[in-house]
């Protein structure tokens, strides 16, 4: 019987920069990554909107939730760039 590949999980915290709980948890898990990988999972931890998180604002130019339209991903808005990074992790991870 072939061995099953480990599961992959993408955790995105900080979609909105003013929501601190998820980014706190992502940062905690980054420090304790061995705990997450112990069960065979491949885990990628991402701060979804790092510029808004650093500024303590919901978003810089556009709500990240509304920035995942493929026609917008090549745009120059901060959130379009963040959405493109998240998509890269999701599709290439």
PDB file of N, CA and C in Angstrom:
ATOM      1  N   UNK A   1       0.842  -1.175   0.000  1.00  0.00           N
ATOM      2  CA  UNK A   1       0.000   0.000   0.000  1.00  0.00           C
ATOM      3  C   UNK A   1       0.889   1.239   0.000  1.00  0.00           C
ATOM      4  N   UNK A   2       0.607   2.159  -0.885  1.00  0.00           N
ATOM      5  CA  UNK A   2       1.380   3.405  -0.984  1.00  0.00           C
ATOM      6  C   UNK A   2       1.125   4.279   0.233  1.00  0.00           C
ATOM      7  N   UNK A   3       2.183   4.940   0.680  1.00  0.00           N
ATOM      8  CA  UNK A   3       2.042   5.843   1.823  1.00  0.00           C
ATOM      9  C   UNK A   3       1.357   7.121   1.377  1.00  0.00           C
ATOM     10  N   UNK A   4       0.398   7.564   2.158  1.00  0.00           N
ATOM     11  CA  UNK A   4      -0.350   8.781   1.838  1.00  0.00           C
ATOM     12  C   UNK A   4       0.509  10.010   2.116  1.00  0.00           C
ATOM     13  N   UNK A   5       0.462  10.979   1.199  1.00  0.00           N
ATOM     14  CA  UNK A   5       1.196  12.235   1.392  1.00  0.00           C
ATOM     15  C   UNK A   5       0.622  12.975   2.590  1.00  0.00           C
ATOM     16  N   UNK A   6       1.479  13.716   3.309  1.00  0.00           N
ATOM     17  CA  UNK A   6       0.966  14.469   4.464  1.00  0.00           C
ATOM     18  C   UNK A   6      -0.017  15.543   4.017  1.00  0.00           C
ATOM     19  N   UNK A   7      -0.955  15.852   4.884  1.00  0.00           N
ATOM     20  CA  UNK A   7      -1.911  16.917   4.589  1.00  0.00           C
ATOM     21  C   UNK A   7      -1.232  18.274   4.596  1.00  0.00           C
ATOM     22  N   UNK A   8      -1.773  19.190   3.840  1.00  0.00           N
ATOM     23  CA  UNK A   8      -1.241  20.555   3.774  1.00  0.00           C
ATOM     24  C   UNK A   8      -2.324  21.513   4.243  1.00  0.00           C
ATOM     25  N   UNK A   9      -1.910  22.462   5.072  1.00  0.00           N
ATOM     26  CA  UNK A   9      -2.837  23.447   5.616  1.00  0.00           C
ATOM     27  C   UNK A   9      -2.232  24.836   5.457  1.00  0.00           C
ATOM     28  N   UNK A  10      -3.002  25.747   4.911  1.00  0.00           N
ATOM     29  CA  UNK A  10      -2.611  27.154   4.825  1.00  0.00           C
ATOM     30  C   UNK A  10      -3.448  27.919   5.832  1.00  0.00           C
ATOM     31  N   UNK A  11      -2.783  28.541   6.802  1.00  0.00           N
ATOM     32  CA  UNK A  11      -3.468  29.340   7.813  1.00  0.00           C
ATOM     33  C   UNK A  11      -3.154  30.806   7.527  1.00  0.00           C
ATOM     34  N   UNK A  12      -4.197  31.583   7.256  1.00  0.00           N
ATOM     35  CA  UNK A  12      -4.033  33.012   6.981  1.00  0.00           C
ATOM     36  C   UNK A  12      -4.699  33.772   8.110  1.00  0.00           C
ATOM     37  N   UNK A  13      -3.902  34.503   8.857  1.00  0.00           N
ATOM     38  CA  UNK A  13      -4.421  35.360   9.921  1.00  0.00           C
ATOM     39  C   UNK A  13      -4.147  36.803   9.548  1.00  0.00           C
ATOM     40  N   UNK A  14      -4.958  37.698  10.007  1.00  0.00           N
ATOM     41  CA  UNK A  14      -4.712  39.107   9.728  1.00  0.00           C
ATOM     42  C   UNK A  14      -5.223  39.565   8.385  1.00  0.00           C
ATOM     43  N   UNK A  15      -6.321  38.987   7.947  1.00  0.00           N
ATOM     44  CA  UNK A  15      -6.958  39.478   6.728  1.00  0.00           C
ATOM     45  C   UNK A  15      -7.296  40.950   6.901  1.00  0.00           C
ATOM     46  N   UNK A  16      -7.744  41.289   8.090  1.00  0.00           N
ATOM     47  CA  UNK A  16      -7.991  42.685   8.446  1.00  0.00           C
ATOM     48  C   UNK A  16      -6.959  43.077   9.493  1.00  0.00           C
ATOM     49  N   UNK A  17      -6.238  44.130   9.222  1.00  0.00           N
ATOM     50  CA  UNK A  17      -5.119  44.527  10.064  1.00  0.00           C
ATOM     51  C   UNK A  17      -5.459  44.916  11.482  1.00  0.00           C
ATOM     52  N   UNK A  18      -6.704  45.299  11.727  1.00  0.00           N
ATOM     53  CA  UNK A  18      -7.083  45.713  13.075  1.00  0.00           C
ATOM     54  C   UNK A  18      -7.656  44.560  13.898  1.00  0.00           C
ATOM     55  N   UNK A  19      -7.656  43.374  13.361  1.00  0.00           N
ATOM     56  CA  UNK A  19      -8.112  42.195  14.090  1.00  0.00           C
ATOM     57  C   UNK A  19      -6.874  41.456  14.570  1.00  0.00           C
ATOM     58  N   UNK A  20      -6.559  41.594  15.830  1.00  0.00           N
ATOM     59  CA  UNK A  20      -5.273  41.139  16.375  1.00  0.00           C
ATOM     60  C   UNK A  20      -5.226  39.682  16.810  1.00  0.00           C
ATOM     61  N   UNK A  21      -6.358  39.060  17.102  1.00  0.00           N
ATOM     62  CA  UNK A  21      -6.315  37.703  17.651  1.00  0.00           C
ATOM     63  C   UNK A  21      -5.688  36.702  16.692  1.00  0.00           C
ATOM     64  N   UNK A  22      -6.079  36.734  15.431  1.00  0.00           N
ATOM     65  CA  UNK A  22      -5.558  35.754  14.470  1.00  0.00           C
ATOM     66  C   UNK A  22      -4.063  35.958  14.218  1.00  0.00           C
ATOM     67  N   UNK A  23      -3.611  37.198  14.141  1.00  0.00           N
ATOM     68  CA  UNK A  23      -2.177  37.423  13.912  1.00  0.00           C
ATOM     69  C   UNK A  23      -1.374  37.013  15.142  1.00  0.00           C
ATOM     70  N   UNK A  24      -1.925  37.222  16.324  1.00  0.00           N
ATOM     71  CA  UNK A  24      -1.259  36.768  17.545  1.00  0.00           C
ATOM     72  C   UNK A  24      -1.100  35.254  17.508  1.00  0.00           C
ATOM     73  N   UNK A  25      -2.148  34.550  17.090  1.00  0.00           N
ATOM     74  CA  UNK A  25      -2.096  33.100  17.038  1.00  0.00           C
ATOM     75  C   UNK A  25      -1.105  32.614  15.974  1.00  0.00           C
ATOM     76  N   UNK A  26      -1.097  33.241  14.801  1.00  0.00           N
ATOM     77  CA  UNK A  26      -0.136  32.872  13.757  1.00  0.00           C
ATOM     78  C   UNK A  26       1.292  33.056  14.274  1.00  0.00           C
ATOM     79  N   UNK A  27       1.554  34.158  14.941  1.00  0.00           N
ATOM     80  CA  UNK A  27       2.904  34.398  15.468  1.00  0.00           C
ATOM     81  C   UNK A  27       3.266  33.388  16.559  1.00  0.00           C
ATOM     82  N   UNK A  28       2.316  33.023  17.396  1.00  0.00           N
ATOM     83  CA  UNK A  28       2.553  32.005  18.425  1.00  0.00           C
ATOM     84  C   UNK A  28       2.860  30.661  17.766  1.00  0.00           C
ATOM     85  N   UNK A  29       2.061  30.277  16.781  1.00  0.00           N
ATOM     86  CA  UNK A  29       2.291  28.998  16.096  1.00  0.00           C
ATOM     87  C   UNK A  29       3.606  28.985  15.352  1.00  0.00           C
ATOM     88  N   UNK A  30       4.056  30.126  14.834  1.00  0.00           N
ATOM     89  CA  UNK A  30       5.365  30.172  14.171  1.00  0.00           C
ATOM     90  C   UNK A  30       6.480  29.825  15.149  1.00  0.00           C
ATOM     91  N   UNK A  31       6.328  30.264  16.394  1.00  0.00           N
ATOM     92  CA  UNK A  31       7.336  29.965  17.412  1.00  0.00           C
ATOM     93  C   UNK A  31       7.259  28.507  17.863  1.00  0.00           C
ATOM     94  N   UNK A  32       6.109  27.867  17.672  1.00  0.00           N
ATOM     95  CA  UNK A  32       5.899  26.487  18.130  1.00  0.00           C
ATOM     96  C   UNK A  32       5.525  25.580  16.958  1.00  0.00           C
ATOM     97  N   UNK A  33       6.163  25.764  15.840  1.00  0.00           N
ATOM     98  CA  UNK A  33       5.803  25.052  14.615  1.00  0.00           C
ATOM     99  C   UNK A  33       5.884  23.535  14.777  1.00  0.00           C
ATOM    100  N   UNK A  34       6.789  23.069  15.598  1.00  0.00           N
ATOM    101  CA  UNK A  34       6.910  21.634  15.812  1.00  0.00           C
ATOM    102  C   UNK A  34       5.630  21.017  16.347  1.00  0.00           C
ATOM    103  N   UNK A  35       4.890  21.755  17.138  1.00  0.00           N
ATOM    104  CA  UNK A  35       3.621  21.267  17.675  1.00  0.00           C
ATOM    105  C   UNK A  35       2.639  20.973  16.552  1.00  0.00           C
ATOM    106  N   UNK A  36       2.601  21.837  15.555  1.00  0.00           N
ATOM    107  CA  UNK A  36       1.671  21.663  14.450  1.00  0.00           C
ATOM    108  C   UNK A  36       2.118  20.549  13.513  1.00  0.00           C
ATOM    109  N   UNK A  37       3.403  20.420  13.306  1.00  0.00           N
ATOM    110  CA  UNK A  37       3.920  19.426  12.359  1.00  0.00           C
ATOM    111  C   UNK A  37       4.019  18.026  12.965  1.00  0.00           C
ATOM    112  N   UNK A  38       3.812  17.921  14.239  1.00  0.00           N
ATOM    113  CA  UNK A  38       3.936  16.639  14.921  1.00  0.00           C
ATOM    114  C   UNK A  38       2.965  15.605  14.356  1.00  0.00           C
ATOM    115  N   UNK A  39       1.855  16.026  13.840  1.00  0.00           N
ATOM    116  CA  UNK A  39       0.827  15.100  13.373  1.00  0.00           C
ATOM    117  C   UNK A  39       0.891  14.875  11.863  1.00  0.00           C
ATOM    118  N   UNK A  40       2.018  15.193  11.251  1.00  0.00           N
ATOM    119  CA  UNK A  40       2.205  14.927   9.842  1.00  0.00           C
ATOM    120  C   UNK A  40       1.663  15.985   8.905  1.00  0.00           C
ATOM    121  N   UNK A  41       1.179  17.081   9.443  1.00  0.00           N
ATOM    122  CA  UNK A  41       0.667  18.151   8.595  1.00  0.00           C
ATOM    123  C   UNK A  41       1.802  19.055   8.130  1.00  0.00           C
ATOM    124  N   UNK A  42       1.709  19.497   6.903  1.00  0.00           N
ATOM    125  CA  UNK A  42       2.593  20.539   6.406  1.00  0.00           C
ATOM    126  C   UNK A  42       1.799  21.827   6.565  1.00  0.00           C
ATOM    127  N   UNK A  43       2.309  22.747   7.367  1.00  0.00           N
ATOM    128  CA  UNK A  43       1.560  23.957   7.711  1.00  0.00           C
ATOM    129  C   UNK A  43       2.312  25.182   7.232  1.00  0.00           C
ATOM    130  N   UNK A  44       1.612  26.075   6.543  1.00  0.00           N
ATOM    131  CA  UNK A  44       2.162  27.375   6.146  1.00  0.00           C
ATOM    132  C   UNK A  44       1.348  28.433   6.869  1.00  0.00           C
ATOM    133  N   UNK A  45       2.033  29.311   7.584  1.00  0.00           N
ATOM    134  CA  UNK A  45       1.385  30.362   8.369  1.00  0.00           C
ATOM    135  C   UNK A  45       1.671  31.717   7.743  1.00  0.00           C
ATOM    136  N   UNK A  46       0.618  32.467   7.426  1.00  0.00           N
ATOM    137  CA  UNK A  46       0.755  33.713   6.684  1.00  0.00           C
ATOM    138  C   UNK A  46      -0.046  34.818   7.372  1.00  0.00           C
ATOM    139  N   UNK A  47       0.560  36.010   7.479  1.00  0.00           N
ATOM    140  CA  UNK A  47      -0.189  37.208   7.853  1.00  0.00           C
ATOM    141  C   UNK A  47      -0.761  37.741   6.543  1.00  0.00           C
ATOM    142  N   UNK A  48      -2.058  37.734   6.411  1.00  0.00           N
ATOM    143  CA  UNK A  48      -2.703  38.055   5.145  1.00  0.00           C
ATOM    144  C   UNK A  48      -2.479  39.469   4.647  1.00  0.00           C
ATOM    145  N   UNK A  49      -2.523  40.424   5.546  1.00  0.00           N
ATOM    146  CA  UNK A  49      -2.383  41.822   5.143  1.00  0.00           C
ATOM    147  C   UNK A  49      -1.375  42.502   6.079  1.00  0.00           C
ATOM    148  N   UNK A  50      -0.081  42.231   5.868  1.00  0.00           N
ATOM    149  CA  UNK A  50       0.929  42.721   6.818  1.00  0.00           C
ATOM    150  C   UNK A  50       1.003  44.245   6.909  1.00  0.00           C
ATOM    151  N   UNK A  51       0.759  44.958   5.819  1.00  0.00           N
ATOM    152  CA  UNK A  51       0.819  46.428   5.885  1.00  0.00           C
ATOM    153  C   UNK A  51      -0.296  46.977   6.764  1.00  0.00           C
ATOM    154  N   UNK A  52      -1.495  46.460   6.597  1.00  0.00           N
ATOM    155  CA  UNK A  52      -2.618  46.912   7.433  1.00  0.00           C
ATOM    156  C   UNK A  52      -2.405  46.489   8.888  1.00  0.00           C
ATOM    157  N   UNK A  53      -1.837  45.307   9.088  1.00  0.00           N
ATOM    158  CA  UNK A  53      -1.542  44.839  10.444  1.00  0.00           C
ATOM    159  C   UNK A  53      -0.556  45.787  11.126  1.00  0.00           C
ATOM    160  N   UNK A  54       0.508  46.161  10.411  1.00  0.00           N
ATOM    161  CA  UNK A  54       1.508  47.075  10.971  1.00  0.00           C
ATOM    162  C   UNK A  54       0.915  48.442  11.273  1.00  0.00           C
ATOM    163  N   UNK A  55      -0.041  48.863  10.443  1.00  0.00           N
ATOM    164  CA  UNK A  55      -0.674  50.176  10.635  1.00  0.00           C
ATOM    165  C   UNK A  55      -1.827  50.129  11.637  1.00  0.00           C
ATOM    166  N   UNK A  56      -2.258  48.923  12.027  1.00  0.00           N
ATOM    167  CA  UNK A  56      -3.374  48.801  12.954  1.00  0.00           C
ATOM    168  C   UNK A  56      -4.703  49.226  12.333  1.00  0.00           C
ATOM    169  N   UNK A  57      -4.806  49.093  11.021  1.00  0.00           N
ATOM    170  CA  UNK A  57      -6.017  49.493  10.298  1.00  0.00           C
ATOM    171  C   UNK A  57      -6.640  48.274   9.634  1.00  0.00           C
ATOM    172  N   UNK A  58      -7.937  48.314   9.409  1.00  0.00           N
ATOM    173  CA  UNK A  58      -8.624  47.209   8.747  1.00  0.00           C
ATOM    174  C   UNK A  58      -7.990  46.924   7.389  1.00  0.00           C
ATOM    175  N   UNK A  59      -7.741  47.947   6.623  1.00  0.00           N
ATOM    176  CA  UNK A  59      -7.070  47.810   5.336  1.00  0.00           C
ATOM    177  C   UNK A  59      -6.397  49.128   4.999  1.00  0.00           C
ATOM    178  N   UNK A  60      -5.541  49.111   3.978  1.00  0.00           N
ATOM    179  CA  UNK A  60      -4.836  50.319   3.554  1.00  0.00           C
ATOM    180  C   UNK A  60      -5.619  51.014   2.447  1.00  0.00           C
ATOM    181  N   UNK A  61      -5.935  50.299   1.377  1.00  0.00           N
ATOM    182  CA  UNK A  61      -6.640  50.913   0.255  1.00  0.00           C
ATOM    183  C   UNK A  61      -7.958  50.224  -0.071  1.00  0.00           C
ATOM    184  N   UNK A  62      -8.041  48.930   0.163  1.00  0.00           N
ATOM    185  CA  UNK A  62      -9.216  48.161  -0.229  1.00  0.00           C
ATOM    186  C   UNK A  62      -9.299  46.935   0.680  1.00  0.00           C
ATOM    187  N   UNK A  63     -10.501  46.567   1.063  1.00  0.00           N
ATOM    188  CA  UNK A  63     -10.694  45.404   1.926  1.00  0.00           C
ATOM    189  C   UNK A  63     -10.123  44.162   1.244  1.00  0.00           C
ATOM    190  N   UNK A  64      -9.239  43.459   1.935  1.00  0.00           N
ATOM    191  CA  UNK A  64      -8.598  42.279   1.359  1.00  0.00           C
ATOM    192  C   UNK A  64      -9.627  41.248   0.911  1.00  0.00           C
ATOM    193  N   UNK A  65     -10.732  41.105   1.642  1.00  0.00           N
ATOM    194  CA  UNK A  65     -11.774  40.149   1.257  1.00  0.00           C
ATOM    195  C   UNK A  65     -12.315  40.415  -0.139  1.00  0.00           C
ATOM    196  N   UNK A  66     -12.213  41.633  -0.622  1.00  0.00           N
ATOM    197  CA  UNK A  66     -12.747  41.998  -1.927  1.00  0.00           C
ATOM    198  C   UNK A  66     -11.660  42.127  -2.990  1.00  0.00           C
ATOM    199  N   UNK A  67     -10.494  41.564  -2.705  1.00  0.00           N
ATOM    200  CA  UNK A  67      -9.340  41.733  -3.594  1.00  0.00           C
ATOM    201  C   UNK A  67      -8.900  40.449  -4.280  1.00  0.00           C
ATOM    202  N   UNK A  68      -9.685  39.405  -4.218  1.00  0.00           N
ATOM    203  CA  UNK A  68      -9.284  38.117  -4.785  1.00  0.00           C
ATOM    204  C   UNK A  68      -9.822  37.869  -6.188  1.00  0.00           C
ATOM    205  N   UNK A  69     -10.448  38.839  -6.788  1.00  0.00           N
ATOM    206  CA  UNK A  69     -10.915  38.713  -8.165  1.00  0.00           C
ATOM    207  C   UNK A  69      -9.689  38.618  -9.071  1.00  0.00           C
ATOM    208  N   UNK A  70      -9.609  37.598  -9.924  1.00  0.00           N
ATOM    209  CA  UNK A  70      -8.427  37.435 -10.779  1.00  0.00           C
ATOM    210  C   UNK A  70      -8.074  38.687 -11.591  1.00  0.00           C
ATOM    211  N   UNK A  71      -9.074  39.470 -11.966  1.00  0.00           N
ATOM    212  CA  UNK A  71      -8.780  40.672 -12.751  1.00  0.00           C
ATOM    213  C   UNK A  71      -8.109  41.756 -11.914  1.00  0.00           C
ATOM    214  N   UNK A  72      -8.146  41.626 -10.582  1.00  0.00           N
ATOM    215  CA  UNK A  72      -7.558  42.632  -9.698  1.00  0.00           C
ATOM    216  C   UNK A  72      -6.161  42.253  -9.197  1.00  0.00           C
ATOM    217  N   UNK A  73      -5.804  40.989  -9.276  1.00  0.00           N
ATOM    218  CA  UNK A  73      -4.593  40.508  -8.617  1.00  0.00           C
ATOM    219  C   UNK A  73      -3.307  41.141  -9.130  1.00  0.00           C
ATOM    220  N   UNK A  74      -3.300  41.638 -10.329  1.00  0.00           N
ATOM    221  CA  UNK A  74      -2.094  42.276 -10.871  1.00  0.00           C
ATOM    222  C   UNK A  74      -2.064  43.768 -10.569  1.00  0.00           C
ATOM    223  N   UNK A  75      -3.053  44.278  -9.855  1.00  0.00           N
ATOM    224  CA  UNK A  75      -3.122  45.703  -9.552  1.00  0.00           C
ATOM    225  C   UNK A  75      -2.051  46.150  -8.583  1.00  0.00           C
ATOM    226  N   UNK A  76      -1.942  47.462  -8.407  1.00  0.00           N
ATOM    227  CA  UNK A  76      -0.869  48.006  -7.576  1.00  0.00           C
ATOM    228  C   UNK A  76      -1.322  48.335  -6.154  1.00  0.00           C
ATOM    229  N   UNK A  77      -2.572  48.174  -5.848  1.00  0.00           N
ATOM    230  CA  UNK A  77      -3.078  48.428  -4.497  1.00  0.00           C
ATOM    231  C   UNK A  77      -2.416  47.457  -3.513  1.00  0.00           C
ATOM    232  N   UNK A  78      -2.164  47.917  -2.321  1.00  0.00           N
ATOM    233  CA  UNK A  78      -1.537  47.099  -1.278  1.00  0.00           C
ATOM    234  C   UNK A  78      -2.288  45.781  -1.095  1.00  0.00           C
ATOM    235  N   UNK A  79      -3.603  45.839  -1.012  1.00  0.00           N
ATOM    236  CA  UNK A  79      -4.380  44.635  -0.785  1.00  0.00           C
ATOM    237  C   UNK A  79      -4.378  43.707  -1.998  1.00  0.00           C
ATOM    238  N   UNK A  80      -4.263  44.235  -3.203  1.00  0.00           N
ATOM    239  CA  UNK A  80      -4.157  43.365  -4.374  1.00  0.00           C
ATOM    240  C   UNK A  80      -2.876  42.552  -4.282  1.00  0.00           C
ATOM    241  N   UNK A  81      -1.794  43.190  -3.853  1.00  0.00           N
ATOM    242  CA  UNK A  81      -0.523  42.485  -3.697  1.00  0.00           C
ATOM    243  C   UNK A  81      -0.633  41.412  -2.625  1.00  0.00           C
ATOM    244  N   UNK A  82      -1.269  41.730  -1.514  1.00  0.00           N
ATOM    245  CA  UNK A  82      -1.448  40.758  -0.431  1.00  0.00           C
ATOM    246  C   UNK A  82      -2.307  39.592  -0.898  1.00  0.00           C
ATOM    247  N   UNK A  83      -3.348  39.874  -1.661  1.00  0.00           N
ATOM    248  CA  UNK A  83      -4.203  38.816  -2.189  1.00  0.00           C
ATOM    249  C   UNK A  83      -3.422  37.920  -3.135  1.00  0.00           C
ATOM    250  N   UNK A  84      -2.564  38.497  -3.956  1.00  0.00           N
ATOM    251  CA  UNK A  84      -1.754  37.715  -4.887  1.00  0.00           C
ATOM    252  C   UNK A  84      -0.807  36.792  -4.126  1.00  0.00           C
ATOM    253  N   UNK A  85      -0.232  37.271  -3.036  1.00  0.00           N
ATOM    254  CA  UNK A  85       0.650  36.437  -2.215  1.00  0.00           C
ATOM    255  C   UNK A  85      -0.140  35.278  -1.623  1.00  0.00           C
ATOM    256  N   UNK A  86      -1.316  35.543  -1.089  1.00  0.00           N
ATOM    257  CA  UNK A  86      -2.150  34.482  -0.516  1.00  0.00           C
ATOM    258  C   UNK A  86      -2.517  33.456  -1.589  1.00  0.00           C
ATOM    259  N   UNK A  87      -2.870  33.915  -2.773  1.00  0.00           N
ATOM    260  CA  UNK A  87      -3.197  32.997  -3.868  1.00  0.00           C
ATOM    261  C   UNK A  87      -1.994  32.146  -4.238  1.00  0.00           C
ATOM    262  N   UNK A  88      -0.823  32.754  -4.243  1.00  0.00           N
ATOM    263  CA  UNK A  88       0.395  32.003  -4.542  1.00  0.00           C
ATOM    264  C   UNK A  88       0.563  30.855  -3.540  1.00  0.00           C
ATOM    265  N   UNK A  89       0.421  31.150  -2.251  1.00  0.00           N
ATOM    266  CA  UNK A  89       0.534  30.110  -1.239  1.00  0.00           C
ATOM    267  C   UNK A  89      -0.517  29.026  -1.450  1.00  0.00           C
ATOM    268  N   UNK A  90      -1.738  29.439  -1.767  1.00  0.00           N
ATOM    269  CA  UNK A  90      -2.834  28.482  -1.906  1.00  0.00           C
ATOM    270  C   UNK A  90      -2.616  27.561  -3.095  1.00  0.00           C
ATOM    271  N   UNK A  91      -2.222  28.121  -4.224  1.00  0.00           N
ATOM    272  CA  UNK A  91      -2.110  27.319  -5.440  1.00  0.00           C
ATOM    273  C   UNK A  91      -0.759  26.645  -5.617  1.00  0.00           C
ATOM    274  N   UNK A  92       0.295  27.246  -5.076  1.00  0.00           N
ATOM    275  CA  UNK A  92       1.642  26.707  -5.294  1.00  0.00           C
ATOM    276  C   UNK A  92       2.177  25.943  -4.102  1.00  0.00           C
ATOM    277  N   UNK A  93       1.486  25.940  -3.040  1.00  0.00           N
ATOM    278  CA  UNK A  93       1.954  25.371  -1.781  1.00  0.00           C
ATOM    279  C   UNK A  93       1.852  23.860  -1.816  1.00  0.00           C
TER     280      UNK A  93
END
